[in-house]
Amino acid sequence: MPHPTPQTVAELTDAVLAGAYGPDPKDLAVTSAFWLYHTTRLAGGDVTYHNHYLVLRSGGSFGASSFEAGELAPGFCENASGHSLDKLLHHESVPVRTAALDAYLARTRPHRDAADAADAADTAGAAGAEPVPLPAGTPEVRARARDASIAGLLDIAPGAKVALIGVVNPLVEAVRERGGVCLPCDLNLRATQWGEPVADDMTEVLAEADAVVATGMTLSNGTFDLILEHCREQAVPLIVYAQTGSAVARAFLASGVTAVNAEPFPFSQFSADPTVMYRYRAAGVPA
């Protein structure tokens, strides 16, 4: 059955609560909840990345959101297990609602099942899901492979300006290797590894961009809807690199998202063994 075509995250949430995507969320429980504070400094770099994650498991899938320091206390997880997804979809915290929405959509249509093209065609406009294996190895090896996969979703002419909203230095490098000019934007970094200034106002980079790459954190910090609307109105390709919120981002493939590089939990930085990502393209977007 075709799904609705949401224009905003709130519309998607309302559709889920109304049963448009499958079972009633009040009948699906969170079986485990955990809060992660994770830092990374890649070899040869001088930037330490600080990341905070909320992860909710429901059934055989995980939903996740990222958030800023202090936005959600670890104590939230103390009583979250056992709550229905319906309850958490009404929570006052945006990161909690995002993780619950991601858990619901990942449970009802797991990425691993969407690798079947017939199933993926019913996943809100996706033309198919392409499994992309990440090799075993060091964080640097896995990060380069991951970011090459993300940049591979860009179909750009040499010299095209690519807004990168949520900066990871290997991804800056991967965009350059495809001939793009990177316009970095991040709330926490002030310069790239090569000393280029990083904007903290996304409207600056969006105004210049020929294409946009945004991370899943935009879903939980409230900026995703604004980016999506801009890209729709300006007919600018929007690629979402989603560790957190990957199933949520996938739901917008029929309403402005061009492609998604989905990396469900456990994320690449939490394993040294081979793992799998899933690349989606909107219907009609060539591989």
Protein backbone atom coordinates (compact mmCIF):
# COMPACT_ATOMS: atom_id res chain seq x y z
CA MET A 1 0.00 0.00 0.00
CA PRO A 2 1.42 3.43 -0.91
CA HIS A 3 2.40 5.58 2.02
CA PRO A 4 1.57 9.26 2.51
CA THR A 5 4.04 11.81 1.16
CA PRO A 6 5.08 13.80 4.25
CA GLN A 7 6.37 17.32 3.83
CA THR A 8 7.64 17.72 7.40
CA VAL A 9 8.74 15.53 10.29
CA ALA A 10 5.57 16.49 12.17
CA GLU A 11 3.42 15.28 9.26
CA LEU A 12 5.32 11.99 9.19
CA THR A 13 4.84 11.56 12.94
CA ASP A 14 1.11 12.25 12.67
CA ALA A 15 0.82 9.69 9.85
CA VAL A 16 2.63 7.06 11.94
CA LEU A 17 0.35 7.76 14.91
CA ALA A 18 -2.66 7.43 12.61
CA GLY A 19 -1.53 3.96 11.48
CA ALA A 20 -0.59 4.93 7.92
CA TYR A 21 2.75 3.10 8.14
CA GLY A 22 1.72 -0.09 9.87
CA PRO A 23 0.78 -1.23 13.37
CA ASP A 24 -0.38 1.20 16.02
CA PRO A 25 2.70 2.55 17.87
CA LYS A 26 0.90 2.05 21.18
CA ASP A 27 1.17 -1.70 20.58
CA LEU A 28 4.97 -1.61 20.10
CA ALA A 29 7.22 -1.32 23.14
CA VAL A 30 10.78 -0.16 23.68
CA THR A 31 12.70 -3.16 24.96
CA SER A 32 15.94 -1.31 25.72
CA ALA A 33 17.13 2.28 25.84
CA PHE A 34 20.64 3.61 26.14
CA TRP A 35 22.47 6.93 26.12
CA LEU A 36 25.97 7.22 24.63
CA TYR A 37 28.62 9.90 24.89
CA HIS A 38 31.29 9.15 22.35
CA THR A 39 34.47 10.99 21.33
CA THR A 40 36.69 10.32 18.33
CA ARG A 41 39.99 11.74 17.12
CA LEU A 42 41.12 10.17 13.86
CA ALA A 43 44.81 9.42 13.40
CA GLY A 44 46.68 12.43 12.03
CA GLY A 45 43.83 14.82 12.87
CA ASP A 46 43.62 17.56 15.45
CA VAL A 47 39.83 17.55 15.85
CA THR A 48 38.04 15.63 18.58
CA TYR A 49 34.43 14.88 17.66
CA HIS A 50 32.00 14.84 20.57
CA ASN A 51 28.79 12.93 19.92
CA HIS A 52 25.79 12.18 22.11
CA TYR A 53 23.31 9.51 21.08
CA LEU A 54 20.00 8.15 22.31
CA VAL A 55 19.29 4.63 21.04
CA LEU A 56 15.96 2.82 21.46
CA ARG A 57 15.44 -0.82 20.58
CA SER A 58 12.01 -2.05 19.58
CA GLY A 59 11.71 -5.64 18.41
CA GLY A 60 14.51 -6.49 16.01
CA SER A 61 15.52 -2.92 15.13
CA PHE A 62 17.08 0.16 16.68
CA GLY A 63 16.12 3.80 16.39
CA ALA A 64 18.56 6.57 17.20
CA SER A 65 18.92 10.30 17.50
CA SER A 66 21.86 12.58 18.23
CA PHE A 67 21.71 15.64 20.42
CA GLU A 68 23.76 18.43 21.90
CA ALA A 69 25.51 18.14 25.27
CA GLY A 70 23.09 18.72 28.14
CA GLU A 71 19.99 18.39 26.00
CA LEU A 72 19.04 14.97 27.37
CA ALA A 73 20.17 13.46 30.66
CA PRO A 74 21.32 9.83 30.93
CA GLY A 75 18.60 9.34 33.54
CA PHE A 76 15.98 9.38 30.78
CA CYS A 77 16.91 5.78 30.00
CA GLU A 78 16.19 4.62 33.55
CA ASN A 79 12.48 4.30 32.88
CA ALA A 80 12.27 4.37 29.07
CA SER A 81 12.40 0.60 28.56
CA GLY A 82 8.88 -0.77 28.50
CA HIS A 83 7.28 2.46 27.28
CA SER A 84 5.21 2.25 24.12
CA LEU A 85 6.50 4.02 21.04
CA ASP A 86 3.23 5.94 21.06
CA LYS A 87 4.13 7.50 24.40
CA LEU A 88 7.64 8.43 23.29
CA LEU A 89 6.36 9.90 20.02
CA HIS A 90 4.47 12.41 22.21
CA HIS A 91 7.50 13.19 24.41
CA GLU A 92 8.43 16.84 24.91
CA SER A 93 12.05 16.23 23.82
CA VAL A 94 12.75 16.38 20.08
CA PRO A 95 15.65 13.86 20.30
CA VAL A 96 13.35 11.40 22.11
CA ARG A 97 10.61 11.80 19.53
CA THR A 98 13.16 11.40 16.73
CA ALA A 99 14.60 8.19 18.17
CA ALA A 100 11.10 6.79 18.72
CA LEU A 101 10.04 7.65 15.17
CA ASP A 102 13.23 6.08 13.81
CA ALA A 103 12.66 2.95 15.92
CA TYR A 104 9.09 2.60 14.64
CA LEU A 105 10.00 3.02 10.96
CA ALA A 106 13.06 0.76 11.29
CA ARG A 107 10.98 -1.91 12.98
CA THR A 108 8.14 -1.86 10.47
CA ARG A 109 10.52 -1.78 7.47
CA PRO A 110 14.02 -2.83 8.48
CA HIS A 111 16.83 -1.66 6.22
CA ARG A 112 18.04 -5.23 5.87
CA ASP A 113 14.69 -6.17 4.30
CA ALA A 114 14.64 -3.11 2.05
CA ALA A 115 17.61 -4.53 0.15
CA ASP A 116 14.88 -6.43 -1.70
CA ALA A 117 14.02 -4.01 -4.53
CA ALA A 118 10.34 -4.97 -4.52
CA ASP A 119 10.00 -4.07 -0.85
CA ALA A 120 12.11 -0.94 -1.22
CA ALA A 121 9.86 0.34 -4.02
CA ASP A 122 7.08 0.54 -1.42
CA THR A 123 9.26 2.46 1.00
CA ALA A 124 8.04 6.00 0.40
CA GLY A 125 9.45 6.58 -3.04
CA ALA A 126 12.69 4.64 -2.81
CA ALA A 127 13.85 3.10 -6.07
CA GLY A 128 15.75 0.40 -4.18
CA ALA A 129 18.19 -0.17 -1.37
CA GLU A 130 21.79 -0.97 -2.20
CA PRO A 131 23.70 -2.75 0.58
CA VAL A 132 27.18 -1.26 0.96
CA PRO A 133 29.62 -3.29 3.07
CA LEU A 134 32.08 -1.43 5.25
CA PRO A 135 35.39 -3.25 5.64
CA ALA A 136 36.92 -4.40 8.88
CA GLY A 137 39.67 -2.12 10.07
CA THR A 138 40.68 1.00 11.91
CA PRO A 139 38.35 3.99 12.38
CA GLU A 140 40.24 5.79 9.61
CA VAL A 141 39.78 2.95 7.11
CA ARG A 142 36.10 2.62 7.90
CA ALA A 143 35.46 6.37 7.90
CA ARG A 144 37.03 6.79 4.46
CA ALA A 145 34.96 3.92 3.06
CA ARG A 146 31.80 5.32 4.63
CA ASP A 147 32.35 8.84 3.34
CA ALA A 148 33.26 7.63 -0.15
CA SER A 149 29.88 5.87 -0.20
CA ILE A 150 28.10 9.07 0.81
CA ALA A 151 29.95 11.18 -1.76
CA GLY A 152 29.13 8.52 -4.36
CA LEU A 153 25.49 9.60 -4.11
CA LEU A 154 26.44 13.05 -5.41
CA ASP A 155 25.90 13.60 -9.12
CA ILE A 156 27.68 16.91 -9.60
CA ALA A 157 29.66 18.76 -12.22
CA PRO A 158 33.26 19.75 -11.48
CA GLY A 159 33.30 22.91 -9.38
CA ALA A 160 29.77 22.44 -8.04
CA LYS A 161 29.27 23.90 -4.56
CA VAL A 162 28.21 21.31 -2.00
CA ALA A 163 26.84 22.47 1.35
CA LEU A 164 27.96 20.03 4.03
CA ILE A 165 25.72 20.49 7.06
CA GLY A 166 27.39 18.56 9.84
CA VAL A 167 31.12 18.42 9.17
CA VAL A 168 33.24 15.28 9.17
CA ASN A 169 36.70 15.88 7.73
CA PRO A 170 36.91 12.66 5.68
CA LEU A 171 33.59 13.62 4.06
CA VAL A 172 34.99 17.05 3.15
CA GLU A 173 37.83 15.22 1.44
CA ALA A 174 35.45 12.80 -0.31
CA VAL A 175 33.40 15.68 -1.74
CA ARG A 176 36.57 17.28 -3.10
CA GLU A 177 37.64 14.01 -4.71
CA ARG A 178 34.39 14.06 -6.69
CA GLY A 179 35.21 17.54 -7.95
CA GLY A 180 32.98 19.47 -5.57
CA VAL A 181 33.72 22.67 -3.69
CA CYS A 182 32.76 22.06 -0.06
CA LEU A 183 30.77 24.66 1.90
CA PRO A 184 31.07 23.35 5.48
CA CYS A 185 28.58 24.22 8.21
CA ASP A 186 28.57 22.94 11.79
CA LEU A 187 27.47 24.18 15.19
CA ASN A 188 30.54 22.85 16.98
CA LEU A 189 33.52 23.05 14.61
CA ARG A 190 35.12 26.34 13.65
CA ALA A 191 37.57 25.08 11.01
CA THR A 192 38.17 21.99 8.90
CA GLN A 193 41.29 19.86 9.23
CA TRP A 194 42.83 22.04 6.48
CA GLY A 195 42.05 25.33 8.22
CA GLU A 196 39.04 26.42 6.18
CA PRO A 197 36.42 28.33 8.18
CA VAL A 198 33.23 26.47 9.04
CA ALA A 199 29.99 28.47 9.00
CA ASP A 200 27.58 28.16 11.91
CA ASP A 201 24.58 29.56 9.99
CA MET A 202 23.23 27.07 7.47
CA THR A 203 21.38 29.75 5.52
CA GLU A 204 24.75 31.07 4.35
CA VAL A 205 25.80 27.80 2.74
CA LEU A 206 22.32 26.84 1.49
CA ALA A 207 22.08 30.09 -0.47
CA GLU A 208 25.21 29.18 -2.48
CA ALA A 209 24.75 25.41 -2.76
CA ASP A 210 24.29 23.44 -5.96
CA ALA A 211 23.78 20.32 -3.79
CA VAL A 212 23.38 19.63 -0.08
CA VAL A 213 24.69 16.84 2.12
CA ALA A 214 23.10 16.88 5.59
CA THR A 215 23.62 14.55 8.53
CA GLY A 216 20.92 12.81 10.53
CA MET A 217 21.47 15.22 13.41
CA THR A 218 19.44 17.81 11.49
CA LEU A 219 16.38 15.68 12.34
CA SER A 220 16.83 16.10 16.08
CA ASN A 221 18.00 19.72 16.16
CA GLY A 222 14.99 21.00 14.23
CA THR A 223 16.73 22.09 11.03
CA PHE A 224 15.79 19.19 8.73
CA ASP A 225 12.42 20.64 7.70
CA LEU A 226 14.03 23.95 6.73
CA ILE A 227 16.72 22.22 4.66
CA LEU A 228 14.13 19.99 2.99
CA GLU A 229 11.88 22.93 2.11
CA HIS A 230 14.79 24.91 0.66
CA CYS A 231 15.95 22.01 -1.50
CA ARG A 232 12.41 21.34 -2.76
CA GLU A 233 11.80 24.98 -3.64
CA GLN A 234 15.19 25.49 -5.30
CA ALA A 235 15.31 22.03 -6.96
CA VAL A 236 18.64 21.35 -5.22
CA PRO A 237 19.67 17.71 -4.67
CA LEU A 238 19.58 16.72 -0.99
CA ILE A 239 21.62 13.73 0.21
CA VAL A 240 21.17 12.68 3.81
CA TYR A 241 23.96 10.84 5.58
CA ALA A 242 22.05 9.20 8.40
CA GLN A 243 23.45 7.16 11.19
CA THR A 244 20.82 8.59 13.52
CA GLY A 245 17.35 8.93 12.02
CA SER A 246 18.14 6.78 8.99
CA ALA A 247 14.64 5.30 8.69
CA VAL A 248 13.12 8.75 9.18
CA ALA A 249 15.21 10.29 6.40
CA ARG A 250 14.23 7.41 4.10
CA ALA A 251 10.56 8.38 4.46
CA PHE A 252 11.22 11.66 2.61
CA LEU A 253 12.55 10.12 -0.61
CA ALA A 254 9.27 11.05 -2.31
CA SER A 255 9.20 14.61 -1.00
CA GLY A 256 12.55 16.28 -1.53
CA VAL A 257 15.31 13.94 -0.39
CA THR A 258 17.33 12.76 -3.40
CA ALA A 259 19.26 9.98 -1.70
CA VAL A 260 20.01 8.52 1.73
CA ASN A 261 23.10 6.76 3.00
CA ALA A 262 21.57 4.84 5.90
CA GLU A 263 23.80 3.37 8.56
CA PRO A 264 21.65 1.75 11.24
CA PHE A 265 23.05 0.97 14.67
CA PRO A 266 25.72 -0.22 15.45
CA PHE A 267 27.42 2.65 13.67
CA SER A 268 30.80 2.22 11.99
CA GLN A 269 32.70 3.86 14.84
CA PHE A 270 31.40 1.27 17.32
CA SER A 271 32.78 -1.77 15.51
CA ALA A 272 36.03 -2.91 13.92
CA ASP A 273 34.27 -5.75 12.10
CA PRO A 274 32.51 -5.60 8.72
CA THR A 275 29.10 -3.89 8.86
CA VAL A 276 26.54 -2.89 6.24
CA MET A 277 25.12 0.47 5.18
CA TYR A 278 22.17 0.91 2.81
CA ARG A 279 22.04 3.47 0.02
CA TYR A 280 18.66 4.64 -1.24
CA ARG A 281 17.86 6.85 -4.20
CA ALA A 282 14.56 8.55 -4.88
CA ALA A 283 12.53 6.99 -7.68
CA GLY A 284 13.85 8.21 -11.02
CA VAL A 285 17.31 9.12 -9.70
CA PRO A 286 19.90 7.12 -11.65
CA ALA A 287 22.36 4.90 -9.79
